[in-house]
Amino acid sequence: MARRILGKGLAAIKDFIRECVSAGGVPIFRTKYGGKRLPGNAVIAACWGAGDKVKGGTITDVPLEIIEKMEKTTGDWRWLEKETEKASLYYY
């Protein structure tokens, strides 16, 4: 089964959030599939409510500390948008 790769790291997460929200959707990120973490420090991104406009896929090379925080934080993506802004100096 082919995966749709959206990009790498925090830059790809930031771009996906902006595109999804601009389309009227809510960005959702999954760190696991079948109960196991995705390989390559990857997450699955989906745009709830605007998936017809913004296609989801896989974002690779996400910093481990972001993946761990995604697993602990539920219900709101805004912290992630702030985190990508704050960390952009370190990961780009």
Protein backbone atom coordinates (compact mmCIF):
# COMPACT_ATOMS: atom_id res chain seq x y z
CA MET A 1 0.00 0.00 0.00
CA ALA A 2 1.46 3.35 -1.05
CA ARG A 3 1.75 6.18 1.45
CA ARG A 4 1.24 9.80 0.55
CA ILE A 5 4.20 11.69 1.99
CA LEU A 6 3.35 15.30 2.78
CA GLY A 7 6.83 16.34 3.87
CA LYS A 8 9.33 16.20 6.70
CA GLY A 9 9.55 17.64 10.18
CA LEU A 10 7.97 20.65 11.80
CA ALA A 11 7.88 22.64 8.57
CA ALA A 12 5.49 20.09 7.04
CA ILE A 13 3.32 20.07 10.19
CA LYS A 14 3.17 23.86 10.16
CA ASP A 15 2.21 23.93 6.46
CA PHE A 16 -0.46 21.27 6.93
CA ILE A 17 -2.03 23.11 9.88
CA ARG A 18 -2.21 26.36 7.92
CA GLU A 19 -3.66 24.71 4.81
CA CYS A 20 -6.26 22.73 6.77
CA VAL A 21 -7.42 25.64 8.93
CA SER A 22 -7.57 27.95 5.88
CA ALA A 23 -9.88 25.41 4.22
CA GLY A 24 -12.17 25.42 7.27
CA GLY A 25 -10.98 22.11 8.69
CA VAL A 26 -9.49 20.86 11.93
CA PRO A 27 -6.01 19.29 11.70
CA ILE A 28 -5.68 15.87 13.30
CA PHE A 29 -2.42 13.98 13.83
CA ARG A 30 -2.02 10.31 14.70
CA THR A 31 1.23 8.91 16.01
CA LYS A 32 0.25 5.24 15.99
CA TYR A 33 -1.38 2.72 13.71
CA GLY A 34 -2.52 -0.64 15.04
CA GLY A 35 -1.24 0.34 18.48
CA LYS A 36 2.34 0.84 17.28
CA ARG A 37 4.25 4.00 16.59
CA LEU A 38 4.85 4.73 12.96
CA PRO A 39 8.41 4.15 11.70
CA GLY A 40 10.71 7.04 10.84
CA ASN A 41 9.28 9.32 13.54
CA ALA A 42 6.24 9.74 11.32
CA VAL A 43 2.71 10.94 12.01
CA ILE A 44 -0.47 10.64 9.98
CA ALA A 45 -2.11 13.99 9.23
CA ALA A 46 -5.78 14.41 8.35
CA CYS A 47 -7.99 17.46 7.89
CA TRP A 48 -11.32 16.77 9.58
CA GLY A 49 -14.17 18.65 7.97
CA ALA A 50 -12.20 19.67 4.87
CA GLY A 51 -10.63 16.41 3.76
CA ASP A 52 -12.08 16.89 0.30
CA LYS A 53 -10.03 20.09 -0.05
CA VAL A 54 -6.90 19.16 1.93
CA LYS A 55 -5.67 15.62 1.45
CA GLY A 56 -4.02 13.93 4.39
CA GLY A 57 -0.93 11.78 4.45
CA THR A 58 2.25 11.03 6.33
CA ILE A 59 4.74 13.51 7.73
CA THR A 60 8.14 12.00 8.53
CA ASP A 61 11.09 13.04 10.68
CA VAL A 62 8.98 14.65 13.40
CA PRO A 63 11.08 15.33 16.52
CA LEU A 64 10.48 12.65 19.15
CA GLU A 65 9.54 15.20 21.84
CA ILE A 66 6.74 16.48 19.58
CA ILE A 67 5.44 12.95 18.98
CA GLU A 68 5.44 12.28 22.73
CA LYS A 69 3.56 15.52 23.40
CA MET A 70 1.04 14.66 20.64
CA GLU A 71 0.35 11.38 22.43
CA LYS A 72 -0.27 13.15 25.74
CA THR A 73 -2.21 16.17 24.43
CA THR A 74 -5.64 15.59 22.94
CA GLY A 75 -8.42 17.71 21.58
CA ASP A 76 -6.56 20.82 20.45
CA TRP A 77 -4.00 21.47 17.73
CA ARG A 78 -3.19 25.08 18.66
CA TRP A 79 -0.34 24.08 20.98
CA LEU A 80 1.27 22.36 18.01
CA GLU A 81 1.03 25.47 15.85
CA LYS A 82 2.72 27.48 18.63
CA GLU A 83 5.36 24.76 19.05
CA THR A 84 6.23 24.85 15.34
CA GLU A 85 6.65 28.62 15.50
CA LYS A 86 8.81 28.44 18.62
CA ALA A 87 10.97 25.56 17.43
CA SER A 88 11.46 26.76 13.86
CA LEU A 89 14.86 28.19 14.72
CA TYR A 90 16.07 24.77 15.87
CA TYR A 91 14.65 22.34 13.33
CA TYR A 92 14.66 24.09 9.95
